[in-house]
Amino acid sequence: MNRASTILKELLYQIEEEGVSITFGEFIARLDEKGYGLLVVASSLVVIIPTPPGLNSLAGILVLIWAVQRLLGRTPPWIPRFVRTKEVPERFLHFMEEKGAPFLEKLERRLPQGGPASRANPFETKAASVLVALMALLTILPTPGLTSVAAAVITLVGLGIIYANRYVIWTSLAAGLLAFLLIGNVLWMGTDFLIDLF
């Protein structure tokens, strides 16, 4: 199968060739046509790599909603109207082409090779969706600088879903646990500091 980065670049190239504006609703629908894994991977890249203010929080909220939808077996991905009808800025598409896809390419080169023994079972795929939901929740929390840690786990588990690779999914689960401990510790220390302050 084609690599996720190749599919993303081909999609961006098609949009560029069409030469017409596209809404976020249309862009997300076209990503979803390529699979749920690519949808969450592309959205998590918005959080990892610096983007215009507000986009990373919105991406985190949408990924959380989509993960819950997937766990409930509901499709297509829900998008609020104000996002669905908004035109995708050219700078966002350039960002995905110049930074998002190359970052994804580098990550894919480090993934373990797939094979019959690495094929994920339905339980592992379901666990991956739970992890996506939990990590998306962490990207929304007020932890500047640490949201990209949770988003990186989403990217990794998204690739595990795309390639149905149990080794990538279990690595993501371990990374997710570490991210929880790290961000949870920061929030705990911040709460203690505020209590002492007041």
C-alpha atoms as a PDB file:
ATOM      1  CA  MET A   1       0.000   0.000   0.000  1.00  0.00           C
ATOM      2  CA  ASN A   2       1.056   3.620  -0.550  1.00  0.00           C
ATOM      3  CA  ARG A   3       2.661   5.416   2.351  1.00  0.00           C
ATOM      4  CA  ALA A   4       0.468   7.897   4.248  1.00  0.00           C
ATOM      5  CA  SER A   5       2.846  10.747   3.342  1.00  0.00           C
ATOM      6  CA  THR A   6       2.525   9.849  -0.369  1.00  0.00           C
ATOM      7  CA  ILE A   7      -1.291   9.792  -0.163  1.00  0.00           C
ATOM      8  CA  LEU A   8      -1.284  13.166   1.619  1.00  0.00           C
ATOM      9  CA  LYS A   9       1.052  14.721  -0.979  1.00  0.00           C
ATOM     10  CA  GLU A  10      -1.050  13.341  -3.837  1.00  0.00           C
ATOM     11  CA  LEU A  11      -4.201  14.801  -2.274  1.00  0.00           C
ATOM     12  CA  LEU A  12      -2.554  18.215  -1.821  1.00  0.00           C
ATOM     13  CA  TYR A  13      -1.284  18.072  -5.421  1.00  0.00           C
ATOM     14  CA  GLN A  14      -4.796  17.279  -6.722  1.00  0.00           C
ATOM     15  CA  ILE A  15      -6.231  20.262  -4.837  1.00  0.00           C
ATOM     16  CA  GLU A  16      -3.486  22.501  -6.236  1.00  0.00           C
ATOM     17  CA  GLU A  17      -4.076  21.252  -9.782  1.00  0.00           C
ATOM     18  CA  GLU A  18      -7.819  21.925  -9.530  1.00  0.00           C
ATOM     19  CA  GLY A  19      -6.980  25.572  -8.908  1.00  0.00           C
ATOM     20  CA  VAL A  20     -10.188  26.321  -7.011  1.00  0.00           C
ATOM     21  CA  SER A  21     -10.775  27.178  -3.368  1.00  0.00           C
ATOM     22  CA  ILE A  22     -11.775  24.366  -1.026  1.00  0.00           C
ATOM     23  CA  THR A  23     -13.588  24.482   2.304  1.00  0.00           C
ATOM     24  CA  PHE A  24     -12.382  22.716   5.461  1.00  0.00           C
ATOM     25  CA  GLY A  25     -15.455  20.478   5.195  1.00  0.00           C
ATOM     26  CA  GLU A  26     -14.436  19.335   1.699  1.00  0.00           C
ATOM     27  CA  PHE A  27     -10.783  18.937   2.713  1.00  0.00           C
ATOM     28  CA  ILE A  28     -11.646  16.813   5.757  1.00  0.00           C
ATOM     29  CA  ALA A  29     -14.093  14.709   3.696  1.00  0.00           C
ATOM     30  CA  ARG A  30     -11.365  14.009   1.137  1.00  0.00           C
ATOM     31  CA  LEU A  31      -8.941  13.023   3.885  1.00  0.00           C
ATOM     32  CA  ASP A  32     -11.585  10.737   5.409  1.00  0.00           C
ATOM     33  CA  GLU A  33     -12.063   9.030   2.016  1.00  0.00           C
ATOM     34  CA  LYS A  34      -8.446   7.909   2.338  1.00  0.00           C
ATOM     35  CA  GLY A  35      -9.120   6.458   5.798  1.00  0.00           C
ATOM     36  CA  TYR A  36      -9.642   7.448   9.440  1.00  0.00           C
ATOM     37  CA  GLY A  37      -5.933   6.971  10.221  1.00  0.00           C
ATOM     38  CA  LEU A  38      -4.830   9.583   7.682  1.00  0.00           C
ATOM     39  CA  LEU A  39      -7.494  11.996   8.946  1.00  0.00           C
ATOM     40  CA  VAL A  40      -6.174  11.961  12.533  1.00  0.00           C
ATOM     41  CA  VAL A  41      -2.530  11.970  11.385  1.00  0.00           C
ATOM     42  CA  ALA A  42      -3.050  15.091   9.242  1.00  0.00           C
ATOM     43  CA  SER A  43      -4.938  16.800  12.086  1.00  0.00           C
ATOM     44  CA  SER A  44      -2.243  15.971  14.654  1.00  0.00           C
ATOM     45  CA  LEU A  45       0.412  17.541  12.413  1.00  0.00           C
ATOM     46  CA  VAL A  46      -1.388  20.858  12.910  1.00  0.00           C
ATOM     47  CA  VAL A  47      -0.672  20.582  16.650  1.00  0.00           C
ATOM     48  CA  ILE A  48       2.928  19.345  16.380  1.00  0.00           C
ATOM     49  CA  ILE A  49       4.191  21.909  13.880  1.00  0.00           C
ATOM     50  CA  PRO A  50       3.578  25.637  14.671  1.00  0.00           C
ATOM     51  CA  THR A  51       0.465  26.946  12.899  1.00  0.00           C
ATOM     52  CA  PRO A  52      -1.684  30.110  13.067  1.00  0.00           C
ATOM     53  CA  PRO A  53      -3.162  30.685  16.596  1.00  0.00           C
ATOM     54  CA  GLY A  54      -6.306  28.707  17.423  1.00  0.00           C
ATOM     55  CA  LEU A  55      -5.847  25.989  14.804  1.00  0.00           C
ATOM     56  CA  ASN A  56      -4.107  23.546  17.152  1.00  0.00           C
ATOM     57  CA  SER A  57      -6.852  23.680  19.813  1.00  0.00           C
ATOM     58  CA  LEU A  58      -9.542  23.270  17.162  1.00  0.00           C
ATOM     59  CA  ALA A  59      -7.690  20.315  15.625  1.00  0.00           C
ATOM     60  CA  GLY A  60      -7.444  18.665  19.069  1.00  0.00           C
ATOM     61  CA  ILE A  61     -11.176  19.081  19.720  1.00  0.00           C
ATOM     62  CA  LEU A  62     -12.106  17.660  16.305  1.00  0.00           C
ATOM     63  CA  VAL A  63      -9.787  14.648  16.698  1.00  0.00           C
ATOM     64  CA  LEU A  64     -11.368  13.959  20.106  1.00  0.00           C
ATOM     65  CA  ILE A  65     -14.873  14.060  18.584  1.00  0.00           C
ATOM     66  CA  TRP A  66     -13.849  11.824  15.648  1.00  0.00           C
ATOM     67  CA  ALA A  67     -12.200   9.282  17.951  1.00  0.00           C
ATOM     68  CA  VAL A  68     -15.369   9.037  20.059  1.00  0.00           C
ATOM     69  CA  GLN A  69     -17.440   8.745  16.862  1.00  0.00           C
ATOM     70  CA  ARG A  70     -15.244   5.889  15.662  1.00  0.00           C
ATOM     71  CA  LEU A  71     -15.580   4.070  18.985  1.00  0.00           C
ATOM     72  CA  LEU A  72     -19.362   4.379  18.642  1.00  0.00           C
ATOM     73  CA  GLY A  73     -19.200   3.175  15.025  1.00  0.00           C
ATOM     74  CA  ARG A  74     -20.512   6.423  13.568  1.00  0.00           C
ATOM     75  CA  THR A  75     -19.410   8.011  10.283  1.00  0.00           C
ATOM     76  CA  PRO A  76     -18.744  10.408   8.562  1.00  0.00           C
ATOM     77  CA  PRO A  77     -16.672  12.671  10.855  1.00  0.00           C
ATOM     78  CA  TRP A  78     -18.742  15.456  12.427  1.00  0.00           C
ATOM     79  CA  ILE A  79     -17.602  19.011  11.709  1.00  0.00           C
ATOM     80  CA  PRO A  80     -19.254  22.156  13.168  1.00  0.00           C
ATOM     81  CA  ARG A  81     -20.849  24.351  10.507  1.00  0.00           C
ATOM     82  CA  PHE A  82     -18.571  27.349  11.096  1.00  0.00           C
ATOM     83  CA  VAL A  83     -15.549  25.131  10.364  1.00  0.00           C
ATOM     84  CA  ARG A  84     -17.176  23.111   7.568  1.00  0.00           C
ATOM     85  CA  THR A  85     -18.004  26.177   5.465  1.00  0.00           C
ATOM     86  CA  LYS A  86     -14.750  28.077   6.065  1.00  0.00           C
ATOM     87  CA  GLU A  87     -12.374  28.285   3.121  1.00  0.00           C
ATOM     88  CA  VAL A  88      -8.984  26.621   3.607  1.00  0.00           C
ATOM     89  CA  PRO A  89      -6.268  29.320   3.427  1.00  0.00           C
ATOM     90  CA  GLU A  90      -3.527  28.726   0.871  1.00  0.00           C
ATOM     91  CA  ARG A  91      -0.904  29.104   3.605  1.00  0.00           C
ATOM     92  CA  PHE A  92      -2.450  26.100   5.419  1.00  0.00           C
ATOM     93  CA  LEU A  93      -2.176  23.913   2.308  1.00  0.00           C
ATOM     94  CA  HIS A  94       1.422  25.122   1.814  1.00  0.00           C
ATOM     95  CA  PHE A  95       2.128  24.294   5.454  1.00  0.00           C
ATOM     96  CA  MET A  96       0.826  20.734   4.988  1.00  0.00           C
ATOM     97  CA  GLU A  97       2.859  20.350   1.792  1.00  0.00           C
ATOM     98  CA  GLU A  98       6.136  21.903   2.979  1.00  0.00           C
ATOM     99  CA  LYS A  99       6.195  20.840   6.644  1.00  0.00           C
ATOM    100  CA  GLY A 100       3.477  18.288   7.387  1.00  0.00           C
ATOM    101  CA  ALA A 101       4.152  15.740   4.624  1.00  0.00           C
ATOM    102  CA  PRO A 102       7.999  15.814   4.988  1.00  0.00           C
ATOM    103  CA  PHE A 103       7.700  15.345   8.778  1.00  0.00           C
ATOM    104  CA  LEU A 104       5.402  12.368   8.189  1.00  0.00           C
ATOM    105  CA  GLU A 105       7.860  10.942   5.648  1.00  0.00           C
ATOM    106  CA  LYS A 106      10.739  11.053   8.168  1.00  0.00           C
ATOM    107  CA  LEU A 107       8.588   9.335  10.801  1.00  0.00           C
ATOM    108  CA  GLU A 108       7.512   6.581   8.378  1.00  0.00           C
ATOM    109  CA  ARG A 109      11.134   5.712   7.588  1.00  0.00           C
ATOM    110  CA  ARG A 110      11.608   4.793  11.256  1.00  0.00           C
ATOM    111  CA  LEU A 111       8.573   2.510  11.497  1.00  0.00           C
ATOM    112  CA  PRO A 112       9.095  -1.271  11.840  1.00  0.00           C
ATOM    113  CA  GLN A 113       8.448  -3.319   8.697  1.00  0.00           C
ATOM    114  CA  GLY A 114       5.039  -4.978   8.520  1.00  0.00           C
ATOM    115  CA  GLY A 115       4.339  -8.689   8.055  1.00  0.00           C
ATOM    116  CA  PRO A 116       1.684 -11.316   8.882  1.00  0.00           C
ATOM    117  CA  ALA A 117       2.767 -11.407  12.556  1.00  0.00           C
ATOM    118  CA  SER A 118       2.482  -7.610  12.863  1.00  0.00           C
ATOM    119  CA  ARG A 119      -1.146  -7.458  11.683  1.00  0.00           C
ATOM    120  CA  ALA A 120      -3.275  -5.725  14.362  1.00  0.00           C
ATOM    121  CA  ASN A 121      -6.417  -7.488  15.594  1.00  0.00           C
ATOM    122  CA  PRO A 122      -9.796  -5.713  16.196  1.00  0.00           C
ATOM    123  CA  PHE A 123      -9.075  -5.302  19.932  1.00  0.00           C
ATOM    124  CA  GLU A 124      -5.773  -3.532  19.203  1.00  0.00           C
ATOM    125  CA  THR A 125      -7.443  -1.275  16.643  1.00  0.00           C
ATOM    126  CA  LYS A 126     -10.132  -0.370  19.199  1.00  0.00           C
ATOM    127  CA  ALA A 127      -7.443   0.314  21.823  1.00  0.00           C
ATOM    128  CA  ALA A 128      -5.757   2.612  19.287  1.00  0.00           C
ATOM    129  CA  SER A 129      -8.969   4.655  18.927  1.00  0.00           C
ATOM    130  CA  VAL A 130      -9.252   4.954  22.728  1.00  0.00           C
ATOM    131  CA  LEU A 131      -5.650   6.208  22.819  1.00  0.00           C
ATOM    132  CA  VAL A 132      -6.387   8.781  20.103  1.00  0.00           C
ATOM    133  CA  ALA A 133      -9.321  10.113  22.165  1.00  0.00           C
ATOM    134  CA  LEU A 134      -7.233  10.357  25.365  1.00  0.00           C
ATOM    135  CA  MET A 135      -4.298  12.052  23.607  1.00  0.00           C
ATOM    136  CA  ALA A 136      -6.645  14.480  21.841  1.00  0.00           C
ATOM    137  CA  LEU A 137      -7.997  15.442  25.265  1.00  0.00           C
ATOM    138  CA  LEU A 138      -4.437  16.210  26.413  1.00  0.00           C
ATOM    139  CA  THR A 139      -3.837  18.479  23.392  1.00  0.00           C
ATOM    140  CA  ILE A 140      -6.735  20.680  24.543  1.00  0.00           C
ATOM    141  CA  LEU A 141      -5.463  21.114  28.121  1.00  0.00           C
ATOM    142  CA  PRO A 142      -3.586  24.333  29.039  1.00  0.00           C
ATOM    143  CA  THR A 143      -0.081  22.870  28.903  1.00  0.00           C
ATOM    144  CA  PRO A 144       1.918  25.078  26.483  1.00  0.00           C
ATOM    145  CA  GLY A 145       4.794  23.224  24.873  1.00  0.00           C
ATOM    146  CA  LEU A 146       3.502  19.802  25.937  1.00  0.00           C
ATOM    147  CA  THR A 147       0.507  19.515  23.620  1.00  0.00           C
ATOM    148  CA  SER A 148       2.889  18.546  20.823  1.00  0.00           C
ATOM    149  CA  VAL A 149       3.927  15.486  22.897  1.00  0.00           C
ATOM    150  CA  ALA A 150       0.346  14.169  22.902  1.00  0.00           C
ATOM    151  CA  ALA A 151      -0.057  15.094  19.224  1.00  0.00           C
ATOM    152  CA  ALA A 152       3.094  13.129  18.359  1.00  0.00           C
ATOM    153  CA  VAL A 153       1.515  10.053  20.001  1.00  0.00           C
ATOM    154  CA  ILE A 154      -1.636  10.636  17.897  1.00  0.00           C
ATOM    155  CA  THR A 155       0.523  10.754  14.751  1.00  0.00           C
ATOM    156  CA  LEU A 156       2.235   7.505  15.713  1.00  0.00           C
ATOM    157  CA  VAL A 157      -0.970   5.640  16.582  1.00  0.00           C
ATOM    158  CA  GLY A 158      -2.615   7.022  13.420  1.00  0.00           C
ATOM    159  CA  LEU A 159       0.169   5.426  11.376  1.00  0.00           C
ATOM    160  CA  GLY A 160      -0.388   2.213  13.336  1.00  0.00           C
ATOM    161  CA  ILE A 161      -4.067   2.324  12.301  1.00  0.00           C
ATOM    162  CA  ILE A 162      -3.223   3.072   8.650  1.00  0.00           C
ATOM    163  CA  TYR A 163      -0.798   0.165   8.370  1.00  0.00           C
ATOM    164  CA  ALA A 164      -2.714  -2.066  10.838  1.00  0.00           C
ATOM    165  CA  ASN A 165       0.642  -2.626  12.551  1.00  0.00           C
ATOM    166  CA  ARG A 166       0.382  -3.985  16.113  1.00  0.00           C
ATOM    167  CA  TYR A 167       4.008  -3.101  16.896  1.00  0.00           C
ATOM    168  CA  VAL A 168       3.381   0.574  16.094  1.00  0.00           C
ATOM    169  CA  ILE A 169       0.109   0.535  18.069  1.00  0.00           C
ATOM    170  CA  TRP A 170       1.725  -1.009  21.166  1.00  0.00           C
ATOM    171  CA  THR A 171       4.642   1.418  20.934  1.00  0.00           C
ATOM    172  CA  SER A 172       2.050   4.215  20.776  1.00  0.00           C
ATOM    173  CA  LEU A 173       0.308   2.864  23.886  1.00  0.00           C
ATOM    174  CA  ALA A 174       3.613   2.918  25.796  1.00  0.00           C
ATOM    175  CA  ALA A 175       4.364   6.436  24.519  1.00  0.00           C
ATOM    176  CA  GLY A 176       0.827   7.504  25.482  1.00  0.00           C
ATOM    177  CA  LEU A 177       1.356   6.288  29.050  1.00  0.00           C
ATOM    178  CA  LEU A 178       4.577   8.299  29.309  1.00  0.00           C
ATOM    179  CA  ALA A 179       2.811  11.369  27.874  1.00  0.00           C
ATOM    180  CA  PHE A 180       0.049  10.994  30.478  1.00  0.00           C
ATOM    181  CA  LEU A 181       2.598  10.785  33.299  1.00  0.00           C
ATOM    182  CA  LEU A 182       4.518  13.797  32.000  1.00  0.00           C
ATOM    183  CA  ILE A 183       1.545  16.089  31.377  1.00  0.00           C
ATOM    184  CA  GLY A 184      -0.258  14.891  34.512  1.00  0.00           C
ATOM    185  CA  ASN A 185       2.830  15.692  36.606  1.00  0.00           C
ATOM    186  CA  VAL A 186       3.088  19.182  35.094  1.00  0.00           C
ATOM    187  CA  LEU A 187      -0.609  19.872  35.803  1.00  0.00           C
ATOM    188  CA  TRP A 188      -0.239  18.555  39.377  1.00  0.00           C
ATOM    189  CA  MET A 189       2.779  20.778  40.048  1.00  0.00           C
ATOM    190  CA  GLY A 190       0.992  23.757  38.511  1.00  0.00           C
ATOM    191  CA  THR A 191      -2.059  23.181  40.730  1.00  0.00           C
ATOM    192  CA  ASP A 192       0.129  22.909  43.848  1.00  0.00           C
ATOM    193  CA  PHE A 193       1.900  26.138  42.903  1.00  0.00           C
ATOM    194  CA  LEU A 194      -1.398  28.026  42.496  1.00  0.00           C
ATOM    195  CA  ILE A 195      -2.720  26.678  45.811  1.00  0.00           C
ATOM    196  CA  ASP A 196       0.462  27.804  47.614  1.00  0.00           C
ATOM    197  CA  LEU A 197       0.297  31.175  45.879  1.00  0.00           C
ATOM    198  CA  PHE A 198      -3.227  31.923  47.095  1.00  0.00           C
END
